[in-house]
Amino acid sequence: MIFKWFNKSKKEYPAFWMDYINSFKNVNKNSIEDTRFVAFDTETTGFDRKKDRILSIGAVSFVGKSIQVNNSLELYLQQEIFNPETVKIHGLMKKGSLEKVTELEAIKIFLDYIKNADLIAHHANFDKTMMNEMLSRNGLGKLKNRFIDTGYLFNKSKHIIYRENLKEHYTLDDLCNELNVPKVDRHTANGDALITAIVFLKILSRLDKRKNLEWDYLLKS
C-alpha cells in the first residue's frame, strides 16, 4: 500500500521536459573549443521576477568560433501583463503583427533548442531567474544548464585582458565599446543574444592568448 501511494504521489513531467533532462545523461566533458554554447537574451515587462513576464527570447548557438546565425532562435510570447514604460526600450507592443506563442510553447521550443548546451548571457542571473519563474508557472523544474555571465567574466578577466584599471560594472554597451563589437539590433532579444555571443568569443580569444582558457576559470564565481 505504501508503495502504491508513493507512485501516485510522484510527479509526472511531460515528455518534452524529460527529453530535456535526459539530454544531460552520459555527457562527455568536451574541451572549450568543442563545447556547444548558446548565447541568449530575454526582453521583459520589467525586473520583478514574480510580477513581470518575458516578452521575447532570442538565442544563437556556436561551437568553437563558428556562430550559427542561420540556426538562431527568436520567440515572441503572448502576455496579458504589460508595462508601457518598457516599450521605449524593447519596442514590443501588447498587440501587433508579430506572431506570438504561449509561454508553454515557448518553453518547449527553447528547451529543445538549448538541450544540454552551456548558456551565455549578460547579467545572466536575471535571465536565468526569469526563465526559471516561467518554468515554475508551468509546473516544471529549473534550468539544469551551466551558465556563464559575460559581464562577470569580463570584470574578472580585465586584469588579464588589460593593464589599466577599468570600472567595476559593465553594461552590454560598455563591452561593445571595449571590445569593438557593433551594436546591431541592440535591445532586441535576438540582437542582444548575437552581440553577447560575439563579446564572449572576443573575451575567450584574449584569454586564450594568455593561456587562461580553462573551464575552472570560466565557471568559477
N, C-alpha and C. Protein backbone atom coordinates (compact mmCIF):
# COMPACT_ATOMS: atom_id res chain seq x y z
N MET A 1 0.83 -1.21 0.00
CA MET A 1 0.00 0.00 0.00
C MET A 1 0.87 1.26 0.00
N ILE A 2 1.94 1.24 0.78
CA ILE A 2 2.83 2.40 0.83
C ILE A 2 3.47 2.63 -0.52
N PHE A 3 3.85 1.53 -1.19
CA PHE A 3 4.49 1.64 -2.50
C PHE A 3 3.53 2.25 -3.52
N LYS A 4 2.26 1.85 -3.49
CA LYS A 4 1.25 2.40 -4.41
C LYS A 4 1.05 3.89 -4.14
N TRP A 5 1.02 4.27 -2.87
CA TRP A 5 0.83 5.70 -2.54
C TRP A 5 2.00 6.52 -3.05
N PHE A 6 3.22 5.96 -2.92
CA PHE A 6 4.41 6.67 -3.38
C PHE A 6 4.35 6.89 -4.88
N ASN A 7 3.93 5.88 -5.62
CA ASN A 7 3.84 6.01 -7.08
C ASN A 7 2.83 7.05 -7.48
N LYS A 8 1.72 7.12 -6.79
CA LYS A 8 0.67 8.09 -7.12
C LYS A 8 1.10 9.51 -6.79
N SER A 9 1.91 9.66 -5.73
CA SER A 9 2.30 10.99 -5.30
C SER A 9 3.48 11.54 -6.11
N LYS A 10 4.18 10.67 -6.81
CA LYS A 10 5.33 11.11 -7.59
C LYS A 10 4.87 11.92 -8.79
N LYS A 11 5.44 13.11 -8.95
CA LYS A 11 5.00 14.00 -10.02
C LYS A 11 5.44 13.47 -11.37
N GLU A 12 4.52 13.51 -12.32
CA GLU A 12 4.83 13.09 -13.68
C GLU A 12 5.03 14.33 -14.54
N TYR A 13 6.19 14.41 -15.18
CA TYR A 13 6.51 15.54 -16.03
C TYR A 13 6.21 15.20 -17.48
N PRO A 14 5.90 16.21 -18.31
CA PRO A 14 5.63 15.96 -19.73
C PRO A 14 6.87 15.45 -20.46
N ALA A 15 6.65 14.82 -21.60
CA ALA A 15 7.72 14.18 -22.36
C ALA A 15 8.80 15.17 -22.77
N PHE A 16 8.42 16.40 -23.16
CA PHE A 16 9.42 17.36 -23.63
C PHE A 16 10.38 17.75 -22.51
N TRP A 17 9.87 17.80 -21.25
CA TRP A 17 10.74 18.12 -20.12
C TRP A 17 11.70 16.96 -19.83
N MET A 18 11.20 15.74 -19.91
CA MET A 18 12.05 14.57 -19.68
C MET A 18 13.10 14.44 -20.78
N ASP A 19 12.75 14.79 -22.01
CA ASP A 19 13.75 14.79 -23.09
C ASP A 19 14.87 15.77 -22.77
N TYR A 20 14.50 16.93 -22.24
CA TYR A 20 15.50 17.94 -21.85
C TYR A 20 16.38 17.40 -20.72
N ILE A 21 15.78 16.85 -19.69
CA ILE A 21 16.54 16.31 -18.56
C ILE A 21 17.47 15.19 -19.02
N ASN A 22 16.96 14.32 -19.88
CA ASN A 22 17.75 13.17 -20.33
C ASN A 22 18.93 13.59 -21.21
N SER A 23 18.88 14.81 -21.77
CA SER A 23 19.98 15.26 -22.62
C SER A 23 21.27 15.46 -21.81
N PHE A 24 21.15 15.52 -20.48
CA PHE A 24 22.32 15.72 -19.62
C PHE A 24 22.96 14.40 -19.19
N LYS A 25 22.35 13.28 -19.56
CA LYS A 25 22.89 11.98 -19.18
C LYS A 25 24.04 11.60 -20.11
N ASN A 26 25.07 11.02 -19.51
CA ASN A 26 26.21 10.50 -20.27
C ASN A 26 26.83 11.55 -21.20
N VAL A 27 26.93 12.78 -20.70
CA VAL A 27 27.53 13.86 -21.49
C VAL A 27 29.05 13.81 -21.32
N ASN A 28 29.77 13.79 -22.42
CA ASN A 28 31.22 13.79 -22.38
C ASN A 28 31.73 15.19 -22.03
N LYS A 29 32.83 15.24 -21.30
CA LYS A 29 33.43 16.52 -20.95
C LYS A 29 34.31 16.98 -22.12
N ASN A 30 33.77 17.87 -22.92
CA ASN A 30 34.48 18.36 -24.09
C ASN A 30 35.43 19.49 -23.73
N SER A 31 36.38 19.74 -24.62
CA SER A 31 37.21 20.93 -24.48
C SER A 31 36.33 22.15 -24.74
N ILE A 32 36.79 23.32 -24.35
CA ILE A 32 36.03 24.53 -24.60
C ILE A 32 35.80 24.72 -26.09
N GLU A 33 36.80 24.40 -26.89
CA GLU A 33 36.70 24.58 -28.34
C GLU A 33 35.64 23.67 -28.96
N ASP A 34 35.34 22.52 -28.32
CA ASP A 34 34.37 21.56 -28.87
C ASP A 34 33.01 21.62 -28.19
N THR A 35 32.85 22.53 -27.25
CA THR A 35 31.59 22.64 -26.50
C THR A 35 30.56 23.47 -27.27
N ARG A 36 29.32 23.03 -27.20
CA ARG A 36 28.23 23.81 -27.80
C ARG A 36 27.75 24.83 -26.77
N PHE A 37 27.84 26.10 -27.14
CA PHE A 37 27.34 27.19 -26.32
C PHE A 37 26.08 27.77 -26.94
N VAL A 38 25.20 28.29 -26.10
CA VAL A 38 24.04 29.05 -26.58
C VAL A 38 24.03 30.38 -25.84
N ALA A 39 24.19 31.46 -26.58
CA ALA A 39 24.03 32.80 -26.00
C ALA A 39 22.56 33.18 -26.13
N PHE A 40 21.97 33.68 -25.06
CA PHE A 40 20.55 34.04 -25.14
C PHE A 40 20.26 35.30 -24.35
N ASP A 41 19.10 35.88 -24.65
CA ASP A 41 18.67 37.12 -24.00
C ASP A 41 17.15 37.12 -23.94
N THR A 42 16.62 37.79 -22.92
CA THR A 42 15.18 37.96 -22.81
C THR A 42 14.83 39.44 -22.74
N GLU A 43 13.72 39.80 -23.33
CA GLU A 43 13.14 41.13 -23.14
C GLU A 43 11.90 40.94 -22.28
N THR A 44 11.74 41.77 -21.25
CA THR A 44 10.69 41.55 -20.26
C THR A 44 9.88 42.82 -20.03
N THR A 45 8.77 42.64 -19.29
CA THR A 45 7.93 43.78 -18.95
C THR A 45 8.53 44.61 -17.81
N GLY A 46 9.56 44.09 -17.17
CA GLY A 46 10.20 44.79 -16.06
C GLY A 46 11.19 43.87 -15.37
N PHE A 47 11.56 44.21 -14.13
CA PHE A 47 12.63 43.49 -13.44
C PHE A 47 12.16 42.72 -12.22
N ASP A 48 10.86 42.65 -11.99
CA ASP A 48 10.32 41.90 -10.86
C ASP A 48 10.06 40.46 -11.30
N ARG A 49 10.76 39.51 -10.71
CA ARG A 49 10.68 38.12 -11.18
C ARG A 49 9.31 37.50 -10.96
N LYS A 50 8.55 38.02 -10.01
CA LYS A 50 7.22 37.48 -9.73
C LYS A 50 6.14 38.17 -10.56
N LYS A 51 6.21 39.49 -10.64
CA LYS A 51 5.15 40.25 -11.31
C LYS A 51 5.35 40.37 -12.81
N ASP A 52 6.60 40.47 -13.25
CA ASP A 52 6.87 40.73 -14.67
C ASP A 52 6.96 39.45 -15.47
N ARG A 53 6.90 39.62 -16.79
CA ARG A 53 6.86 38.47 -17.70
C ARG A 53 7.84 38.66 -18.85
N ILE A 54 8.23 37.54 -19.44
CA ILE A 54 9.11 37.55 -20.61
C ILE A 54 8.28 37.83 -21.86
N LEU A 55 8.71 38.82 -22.63
CA LEU A 55 8.02 39.18 -23.87
C LEU A 55 8.67 38.53 -25.09
N SER A 56 9.98 38.33 -25.04
CA SER A 56 10.67 37.71 -26.17
C SER A 56 11.94 37.01 -25.70
N ILE A 57 12.33 35.99 -26.45
CA ILE A 57 13.55 35.24 -26.18
C ILE A 57 14.34 35.15 -27.47
N GLY A 58 15.62 35.48 -27.41
CA GLY A 58 16.49 35.33 -28.56
C GLY A 58 17.66 34.45 -28.17
N ALA A 59 18.11 33.60 -29.09
CA ALA A 59 19.24 32.72 -28.79
C ALA A 59 20.00 32.39 -30.06
N VAL A 60 21.30 32.17 -29.90
CA VAL A 60 22.15 31.77 -31.02
C VAL A 60 23.16 30.77 -30.49
N SER A 61 23.43 29.73 -31.27
CA SER A 61 24.34 28.68 -30.81
C SER A 61 25.67 28.76 -31.55
N PHE A 62 26.71 28.24 -30.91
CA PHE A 62 28.01 28.22 -31.57
C PHE A 62 28.90 27.16 -30.95
N VAL A 63 29.76 26.62 -31.79
CA VAL A 63 30.80 25.68 -31.37
C VAL A 63 32.12 26.24 -31.89
N GLY A 64 33.12 26.29 -31.03
CA GLY A 64 34.37 26.92 -31.44
C GLY A 64 34.13 28.40 -31.70
N LYS A 65 34.56 28.87 -32.84
CA LYS A 65 34.38 30.28 -33.20
C LYS A 65 33.33 30.47 -34.28
N SER A 66 32.56 29.42 -34.55
CA SER A 66 31.56 29.46 -35.63
C SER A 66 30.16 29.69 -35.07
N ILE A 67 29.65 30.91 -35.20
CA ILE A 67 28.30 31.24 -34.74
C ILE A 67 27.30 30.85 -35.82
N GLN A 68 26.33 30.04 -35.44
CA GLN A 68 25.35 29.52 -36.40
C GLN A 68 24.16 30.48 -36.51
N VAL A 69 24.40 31.60 -37.19
CA VAL A 69 23.38 32.64 -37.30
C VAL A 69 22.14 32.13 -38.01
N ASN A 70 22.31 31.24 -38.97
CA ASN A 70 21.17 30.70 -39.71
C ASN A 70 20.37 29.69 -38.90
N ASN A 71 20.85 29.39 -37.68
CA ASN A 71 20.12 28.47 -36.81
C ASN A 71 19.81 29.15 -35.48
N SER A 72 19.52 30.45 -35.54
CA SER A 72 19.21 31.19 -34.32
C SER A 72 17.75 30.99 -33.93
N LEU A 73 17.41 31.41 -32.73
CA LEU A 73 16.05 31.27 -32.22
C LEU A 73 15.50 32.63 -31.85
N GLU A 74 14.27 32.91 -32.27
CA GLU A 74 13.61 34.17 -31.93
C GLU A 74 12.15 33.89 -31.64
N LEU A 75 11.73 34.15 -30.40
CA LEU A 75 10.36 33.87 -29.98
C LEU A 75 9.72 35.11 -29.37
N TYR A 76 8.45 35.31 -29.68
CA TYR A 76 7.67 36.38 -29.06
C TYR A 76 6.51 35.72 -28.32
N LEU A 77 6.30 36.14 -27.08
CA LEU A 77 5.35 35.46 -26.21
C LEU A 77 4.06 36.25 -26.00
N GLN A 78 2.96 35.52 -25.95
CA GLN A 78 1.67 36.12 -25.61
C GLN A 78 1.66 36.42 -24.11
N GLN A 79 1.33 37.65 -23.74
CA GLN A 79 1.30 38.03 -22.33
C GLN A 79 0.14 38.99 -22.08
N GLU A 80 -0.59 38.74 -20.99
CA GLU A 80 -1.63 39.67 -20.57
C GLU A 80 -1.03 40.81 -19.74
N ILE A 81 0.03 40.48 -19.00
CA ILE A 81 0.73 41.51 -18.22
C ILE A 81 1.56 42.36 -19.16
N PHE A 82 1.45 43.67 -19.02
CA PHE A 82 2.15 44.57 -19.94
C PHE A 82 2.53 45.85 -19.22
N ASN A 83 3.69 46.37 -19.54
CA ASN A 83 4.19 47.61 -18.94
C ASN A 83 4.57 48.57 -20.07
N PRO A 84 3.75 49.59 -20.34
CA PRO A 84 4.04 50.51 -21.45
C PRO A 84 5.34 51.29 -21.27
N GLU A 85 5.83 51.39 -20.03
CA GLU A 85 7.07 52.12 -19.78
C GLU A 85 8.29 51.44 -20.40
N THR A 86 8.21 50.12 -20.58
CA THR A 86 9.37 49.40 -21.13
C THR A 86 9.35 49.31 -22.65
N VAL A 87 8.27 49.78 -23.28
CA VAL A 87 8.18 49.71 -24.74
C VAL A 87 9.28 50.54 -25.40
N LYS A 88 9.63 51.67 -24.78
CA LYS A 88 10.67 52.54 -25.35
C LYS A 88 12.04 51.85 -25.36
N ILE A 89 12.20 50.77 -24.57
CA ILE A 89 13.46 50.03 -24.54
C ILE A 89 13.46 48.92 -25.58
N HIS A 90 12.44 48.05 -25.52
CA HIS A 90 12.43 46.89 -26.42
C HIS A 90 11.52 47.03 -27.63
N GLY A 91 10.60 48.01 -27.60
CA GLY A 91 9.75 48.26 -28.76
C GLY A 91 8.65 47.25 -28.98
N LEU A 92 8.38 46.39 -28.01
CA LEU A 92 7.37 45.34 -28.17
C LEU A 92 6.02 45.80 -27.61
N MET A 93 5.03 45.81 -28.48
CA MET A 93 3.68 46.22 -28.09
C MET A 93 2.86 45.01 -27.66
N LYS A 94 1.81 45.26 -26.86
CA LYS A 94 0.95 44.17 -26.42
C LYS A 94 0.23 43.55 -27.61
N LYS A 95 -0.20 44.38 -28.53
CA LYS A 95 -0.83 43.91 -29.76
C LYS A 95 0.06 44.31 -30.93
N GLY A 96 0.03 43.55 -31.96
CA GLY A 96 0.85 43.88 -33.12
C GLY A 96 0.83 42.74 -34.13
N SER A 97 1.65 42.87 -35.15
CA SER A 97 1.64 41.90 -36.25
C SER A 97 2.58 40.72 -36.01
N LEU A 98 3.41 40.79 -34.95
CA LEU A 98 4.34 39.71 -34.69
C LEU A 98 3.61 38.44 -34.29
N GLU A 99 4.06 37.31 -34.82
CA GLU A 99 3.47 36.03 -34.45
C GLU A 99 3.95 35.65 -33.05
N LYS A 100 3.01 35.39 -32.14
CA LYS A 100 3.35 35.11 -30.76
C LYS A 100 2.89 33.72 -30.35
N VAL A 101 3.64 33.15 -29.40
CA VAL A 101 3.32 31.82 -28.89
C VAL A 101 3.02 31.91 -27.40
N THR A 102 2.41 30.87 -26.85
CA THR A 102 2.14 30.82 -25.42
C THR A 102 3.44 30.58 -24.66
N GLU A 103 3.40 30.83 -23.36
CA GLU A 103 4.58 30.54 -22.54
C GLU A 103 4.98 29.07 -22.66
N LEU A 104 4.01 28.18 -22.60
CA LEU A 104 4.32 26.75 -22.64
C LEU A 104 4.96 26.37 -23.97
N GLU A 105 4.44 26.90 -25.06
CA GLU A 105 5.02 26.60 -26.37
C GLU A 105 6.44 27.17 -26.47
N ALA A 106 6.64 28.36 -25.91
CA ALA A 106 7.97 28.96 -25.91
C ALA A 106 8.96 28.10 -25.12
N ILE A 107 8.52 27.58 -24.00
CA ILE A 107 9.36 26.70 -23.18
C ILE A 107 9.76 25.46 -23.97
N LYS A 108 8.80 24.83 -24.62
CA LYS A 108 9.08 23.62 -25.40
C LYS A 108 10.14 23.91 -26.48
N ILE A 109 9.97 25.00 -27.19
CA ILE A 109 10.89 25.34 -28.29
C ILE A 109 12.27 25.69 -27.74
N PHE A 110 12.30 26.46 -26.66
CA PHE A 110 13.57 26.89 -26.07
C PHE A 110 14.37 25.70 -25.53
N LEU A 111 13.71 24.82 -24.79
CA LEU A 111 14.40 23.66 -24.22
C LEU A 111 14.91 22.73 -25.31
N ASP A 112 14.14 22.57 -26.35
CA ASP A 112 14.57 21.72 -27.47
C ASP A 112 15.78 22.34 -28.17
N TYR A 113 15.85 23.66 -28.19
CA TYR A 113 16.96 24.35 -28.84
C TYR A 113 18.24 24.27 -28.01
N ILE A 114 18.13 24.53 -26.70
CA ILE A 114 19.35 24.59 -25.88
C ILE A 114 19.86 23.21 -25.50
N LYS A 115 18.96 22.30 -25.21
CA LYS A 115 19.32 20.97 -24.69
C LYS A 115 20.35 21.12 -23.56
N ASN A 116 21.51 20.45 -23.66
CA ASN A 116 22.48 20.49 -22.56
C ASN A 116 23.61 21.49 -22.81
N ALA A 117 23.40 22.43 -23.70
CA ALA A 117 24.43 23.42 -24.02
C ALA A 117 24.79 24.27 -22.80
N ASP A 118 25.98 24.83 -22.80
CA ASP A 118 26.36 25.82 -21.79
C ASP A 118 25.77 27.17 -22.22
N LEU A 119 25.08 27.84 -21.31
CA LEU A 119 24.36 29.07 -21.64
C LEU A 119 25.19 30.30 -21.30
N ILE A 120 25.18 31.26 -22.22
CA ILE A 120 25.90 32.52 -22.06
C ILE A 120 24.89 33.65 -22.06
N ALA A 121 25.00 34.56 -21.10
CA ALA A 121 24.11 35.73 -21.05
C ALA A 121 24.84 36.87 -20.37
N HIS A 122 24.41 38.09 -20.65
CA HIS A 122 24.96 39.25 -19.96
C HIS A 122 24.05 39.58 -18.79
N HIS A 123 24.64 39.66 -17.59
CA HIS A 123 23.86 39.70 -16.35
C HIS A 123 22.95 38.48 -16.32
N ALA A 124 23.59 37.33 -16.41
CA ALA A 124 22.90 36.05 -16.62
C ALA A 124 21.90 35.71 -15.53
N ASN A 125 22.15 36.14 -14.31
CA ASN A 125 21.26 35.77 -13.21
C ASN A 125 19.84 36.26 -13.45
N PHE A 126 19.70 37.44 -14.06
CA PHE A 126 18.35 37.96 -14.33
C PHE A 126 17.62 37.08 -15.34
N ASP A 127 18.27 36.78 -16.47
CA ASP A 127 17.62 35.96 -17.50
C ASP A 127 17.33 34.55 -16.96
N LYS A 128 18.27 34.02 -16.20
CA LYS A 128 18.08 32.69 -15.60
C LYS A 128 16.89 32.69 -14.65
N THR A 129 16.81 33.72 -13.81
CA THR A 129 15.71 33.82 -12.84
C THR A 129 14.37 33.95 -13.54
N MET A 130 14.29 34.80 -14.57
CA MET A 130 13.03 34.98 -15.29
C MET A 130 12.61 33.71 -16.01
N MET A 131 13.57 32.98 -16.57
CA MET A 131 13.25 31.72 -17.23
C MET A 131 12.77 30.69 -16.22
N ASN A 132 13.43 30.61 -15.07
CA ASN A 132 13.02 29.65 -14.05
C ASN A 132 11.65 29.95 -13.49
N GLU A 133 11.32 31.23 -13.36
CA GLU A 133 9.97 31.61 -12.90
C GLU A 133 8.92 31.16 -13.92
N MET A 134 9.23 31.32 -15.20
CA MET A 134 8.30 30.89 -16.24
C MET A 134 8.14 29.37 -16.23
N LEU A 135 9.25 28.66 -16.03
CA LEU A 135 9.18 27.20 -15.93
C LEU A 135 8.32 26.79 -14.73
N SER A 136 8.52 27.47 -13.60
CA SER A 136 7.76 27.15 -12.39
C SER A 136 6.26 27.39 -12.59
N ARG A 137 5.90 28.49 -13.27
CA ARG A 137 4.48 28.78 -13.52
C ARG A 137 3.82 27.68 -14.34
N ASN A 138 4.63 26.98 -15.11
CA ASN A 138 4.09 25.91 -15.97
C ASN A 138 4.37 24.52 -15.40
N GLY A 139 4.64 24.46 -14.09
CA GLY A 139 4.75 23.19 -13.40
C GLY A 139 6.02 22.41 -13.67
N LEU A 140 7.10 23.11 -14.06
CA LEU A 140 8.35 22.45 -14.40
C LEU A 140 9.46 22.82 -13.42
N GLY A 141 10.58 22.12 -13.52
CA GLY A 141 11.72 22.40 -12.66
C GLY A 141 12.57 23.54 -13.20
N LYS A 142 13.76 23.70 -12.65
CA LYS A 142 14.65 24.79 -13.05
C LYS A 142 15.59 24.34 -14.16
N LEU A 143 16.17 25.31 -14.86
CA LEU A 143 17.15 25.01 -15.89
C LEU A 143 18.35 24.28 -15.27
N LYS A 144 18.85 23.28 -15.97
CA LYS A 144 19.96 22.46 -15.49
C LYS A 144 21.30 22.85 -16.11
N ASN A 145 21.28 23.73 -17.08
CA ASN A 145 22.50 24.09 -17.83
C ASN A 145 23.47 24.89 -16.97
N ARG A 146 24.74 24.81 -17.33
CA ARG A 146 25.75 25.68 -16.73
C ARG A 146 25.62 27.06 -17.37
N PHE A 147 25.84 28.11 -16.55
CA PHE A 147 25.72 29.49 -17.01
C PHE A 147 27.06 30.20 -16.91
N ILE A 148 27.33 31.05 -17.90
CA ILE A 148 28.47 31.96 -17.86
C ILE A 148 27.96 33.36 -18.13
N ASP A 149 28.33 34.30 -17.25
CA ASP A 149 27.90 35.69 -17.36
C ASP A 149 29.01 36.50 -18.00
N THR A 150 28.74 37.10 -19.17
CA THR A 150 29.79 37.86 -19.87
C THR A 150 30.23 39.09 -19.08
N GLY A 151 29.31 39.72 -18.37
CA GLY A 151 29.67 40.88 -17.55
C GLY A 151 30.63 40.49 -16.45
N TYR A 152 30.30 39.41 -15.75
CA TYR A 152 31.17 38.95 -14.66
C TYR A 152 32.50 38.44 -15.20
N LEU A 153 32.46 37.70 -16.31
CA LEU A 153 33.68 37.14 -16.89
C LEU A 153 34.63 38.25 -17.31
N PHE A 154 34.11 39.29 -17.94
CA PHE A 154 34.97 40.40 -18.36
C PHE A 154 35.55 41.12 -17.15
N ASN A 155 34.70 41.35 -16.16
CA ASN A 155 35.16 42.06 -14.97
C ASN A 155 36.27 41.27 -14.26
N LYS A 156 36.11 39.95 -14.21
CA LYS A 156 37.11 39.10 -13.57
C LYS A 156 38.39 39.03 -14.39
N SER A 157 38.26 39.16 -15.71
CA SER A 157 39.39 38.95 -16.61
C SER A 157 40.13 40.23 -16.99
N LYS A 158 39.62 41.38 -16.56
CA LYS A 158 40.17 42.65 -17.07
C LYS A 158 41.64 42.84 -16.72
N HIS A 159 42.07 42.26 -15.58
CA HIS A 159 43.48 42.40 -15.22
C HIS A 159 44.37 41.57 -16.14
N ILE A 160 43.76 40.59 -16.84
CA ILE A 160 44.49 39.78 -17.81
C ILE A 160 44.42 40.42 -19.20
N ILE A 161 43.22 40.89 -19.54
CA ILE A 161 42.98 41.45 -20.87
C ILE A 161 43.61 42.84 -21.00
N TYR A 162 43.52 43.63 -19.93
CA TYR A 162 44.05 44.99 -19.94
C TYR A 162 45.02 45.21 -18.78
N ARG A 163 45.88 46.16 -18.94
CA ARG A 163 46.79 46.51 -17.86
C ARG A 163 46.20 47.62 -16.97
N GLU A 164 45.46 48.54 -17.59
CA GLU A 164 44.92 49.65 -16.82
C GLU A 164 43.69 49.23 -16.02
N ASN A 165 43.38 49.97 -14.98
CA ASN A 165 42.19 49.69 -14.18
C ASN A 165 40.96 50.22 -14.89
N LEU A 166 39.94 49.40 -14.98
CA LEU A 166 38.67 49.80 -15.58
C LEU A 166 37.60 49.82 -14.49
N LYS A 167 36.41 50.23 -14.87
CA LYS A 167 35.35 50.34 -13.86
C LYS A 167 34.83 48.97 -13.44
N GLU A 168 34.04 48.97 -12.39
CA GLU A 168 33.63 47.71 -11.76
C GLU A 168 32.38 47.10 -12.39
N HIS A 169 31.57 47.90 -13.06
CA HIS A 169 30.31 47.38 -13.60
C HIS A 169 30.24 47.67 -15.09
N TYR A 170 29.82 46.66 -15.86
CA TYR A 170 29.80 46.81 -17.31
C TYR A 170 28.43 46.44 -17.88
N THR A 171 27.85 47.38 -18.61
CA THR A 171 26.65 47.08 -19.38
C THR A 171 27.08 46.39 -20.67
N LEU A 172 26.11 45.86 -21.41
CA LEU A 172 26.44 45.25 -22.69
C LEU A 172 26.98 46.30 -23.65
N ASP A 173 26.47 47.53 -23.56
CA ASP A 173 27.00 48.62 -24.37
C ASP A 173 28.47 48.89 -24.04
N ASP A 174 28.80 48.84 -22.76
CA ASP A 174 30.19 49.04 -22.34
C ASP A 174 31.11 48.01 -22.99
N LEU A 175 30.68 46.76 -22.96
CA LEU A 175 31.52 45.70 -23.53
C LEU A 175 31.63 45.83 -25.04
N CYS A 176 30.56 46.27 -25.68
CA CYS A 176 30.62 46.52 -27.13
C CYS A 176 31.69 47.58 -27.42
N ASN A 177 31.71 48.63 -26.61
CA ASN A 177 32.69 49.70 -26.80
C ASN A 177 34.11 49.23 -26.51
N GLU A 178 34.28 48.47 -25.43
CA GLU A 178 35.60 48.00 -25.04
C GLU A 178 36.18 46.98 -26.03
N LEU A 179 35.30 46.16 -26.61
CA LEU A 179 35.75 45.05 -27.46
C LEU A 179 35.48 45.29 -28.94
N ASN A 180 35.02 46.49 -29.29
CA ASN A 180 34.76 46.86 -30.69
C ASN A 180 33.74 45.93 -31.37
N VAL A 181 32.61 45.75 -30.70
CA VAL A 181 31.52 44.92 -31.23
C VAL A 181 30.39 45.83 -31.71
N PRO A 182 29.97 45.73 -32.97
CA PRO A 182 28.88 46.56 -33.48
C PRO A 182 27.58 46.32 -32.70
N LYS A 183 26.85 47.39 -32.42
CA LYS A 183 25.59 47.28 -31.65
C LYS A 183 24.40 47.11 -32.59
N VAL A 184 24.43 46.05 -33.36
CA VAL A 184 23.37 45.79 -34.33
C VAL A 184 22.15 45.20 -33.62
N ASP A 185 20.97 45.78 -33.87
CA ASP A 185 19.72 45.30 -33.26
C ASP A 185 19.80 45.28 -31.73
N ARG A 186 20.47 46.26 -31.16
CA ARG A 186 20.57 46.36 -29.70
C ARG A 186 19.20 46.53 -29.10
N HIS A 187 18.97 45.90 -27.94
CA HIS A 187 17.71 45.92 -27.20
C HIS A 187 16.61 45.14 -27.89
N THR A 188 16.99 44.21 -28.77
CA THR A 188 16.08 43.14 -29.19
C THR A 188 16.69 41.86 -28.66
N ALA A 189 15.86 40.89 -28.30
CA ALA A 189 16.38 39.67 -27.71
C ALA A 189 17.34 38.96 -28.65
N ASN A 190 16.98 38.87 -29.92
CA ASN A 190 17.84 38.18 -30.88
C ASN A 190 19.13 38.95 -31.13
N GLY A 191 19.03 40.27 -31.26
CA GLY A 191 20.21 41.09 -31.46
C GLY A 191 21.16 41.04 -30.29
N ASP A 192 20.62 41.12 -29.07
CA ASP A 192 21.46 41.09 -27.88
C ASP A 192 22.09 39.71 -27.68
N ALA A 193 21.38 38.65 -28.08
CA ALA A 193 21.95 37.30 -27.99
C ALA A 193 23.17 37.18 -28.90
N LEU A 194 23.06 37.70 -30.13
CA LEU A 194 24.19 37.65 -31.06
C LEU A 194 25.36 38.50 -30.55
N ILE A 195 25.06 39.70 -30.06
CA ILE A 195 26.11 40.57 -29.51
C ILE A 195 26.81 39.87 -28.35
N THR A 196 26.03 39.22 -27.47
CA THR A 196 26.60 38.52 -26.33
C THR A 196 27.52 37.39 -26.77
N ALA A 197 27.12 36.68 -27.82
CA ALA A 197 27.96 35.60 -28.35
C ALA A 197 29.29 36.15 -28.85
N ILE A 198 29.26 37.26 -29.57
CA ILE A 198 30.49 37.85 -30.10
C ILE A 198 31.37 38.37 -28.97
N VAL A 199 30.76 39.02 -27.98
CA VAL A 199 31.50 39.51 -26.82
C VAL A 199 32.21 38.35 -26.11
N PHE A 200 31.48 37.27 -25.91
CA PHE A 200 32.05 36.10 -25.23
C PHE A 200 33.25 35.54 -26.00
N LEU A 201 33.10 35.40 -27.32
CA LEU A 201 34.20 34.87 -28.12
C LEU A 201 35.41 35.79 -28.11
N LYS A 202 35.18 37.10 -28.08
CA LYS A 202 36.30 38.04 -28.02
C LYS A 202 37.03 37.94 -26.69
N ILE A 203 36.28 37.77 -25.60
CA ILE A 203 36.92 37.58 -24.29
C ILE A 203 37.73 36.29 -24.30
N LEU A 204 37.15 35.21 -24.83
CA LEU A 204 37.86 33.93 -24.89
C LEU A 204 39.14 34.05 -25.69
N SER A 205 39.07 34.76 -26.81
CA SER A 205 40.24 34.91 -27.66
C SER A 205 41.38 35.60 -26.92
N ARG A 206 41.05 36.64 -26.15
CA ARG A 206 42.08 37.37 -25.42
C ARG A 206 42.62 36.55 -24.25
N LEU A 207 41.76 35.77 -23.61
CA LEU A 207 42.23 34.90 -22.54
C LEU A 207 43.11 33.79 -23.08
N ASP A 208 42.73 33.24 -24.23
CA ASP A 208 43.48 32.13 -24.82
C ASP A 208 44.91 32.54 -25.16
N LYS A 209 45.09 33.78 -25.59
CA LYS A 209 46.42 34.27 -25.92
C LYS A 209 47.32 34.31 -24.69
N ARG A 210 46.69 34.36 -23.53
CA ARG A 210 47.46 34.43 -22.28
C ARG A 210 47.40 33.11 -21.51
N LYS A 211 46.97 32.03 -22.20
CA LYS A 211 46.95 30.68 -21.62
C LYS A 211 46.04 30.58 -20.40
N ASN A 212 44.93 31.29 -20.44
CA ASN A 212 43.99 31.24 -19.31
C ASN A 212 42.63 30.65 -19.69
N LEU A 213 42.58 30.01 -20.84
CA LEU A 213 41.30 29.49 -21.32
C LEU A 213 41.04 28.10 -20.76
N GLU A 214 40.53 28.05 -19.53
CA GLU A 214 40.25 26.79 -18.86
C GLU A 214 38.85 26.83 -18.25
N TRP A 215 38.22 25.63 -18.15
CA TRP A 215 36.87 25.56 -17.64
C TRP A 215 36.76 26.13 -16.22
N ASP A 216 37.71 25.75 -15.36
CA ASP A 216 37.64 26.22 -13.98
C ASP A 216 37.62 27.75 -13.90
N TYR A 217 38.36 28.37 -14.77
CA TYR A 217 38.39 29.83 -14.77
C TYR A 217 37.08 30.42 -15.27
N LEU A 218 36.50 29.83 -16.32
CA LEU A 218 35.26 30.36 -16.89
C LEU A 218 34.07 30.19 -15.95
N LEU A 219 34.04 29.08 -15.22
CA LEU A 219 32.86 28.76 -14.43
C LEU A 219 32.95 29.18 -12.97
N LYS A 220 34.16 29.45 -12.50
CA LYS A 220 34.33 29.83 -11.09
C LYS A 220 33.72 31.19 -10.83
N SER A 221 32.85 31.26 -9.83
CA SER A 221 32.19 32.53 -9.50
C SER A 221 32.93 33.27 -8.40
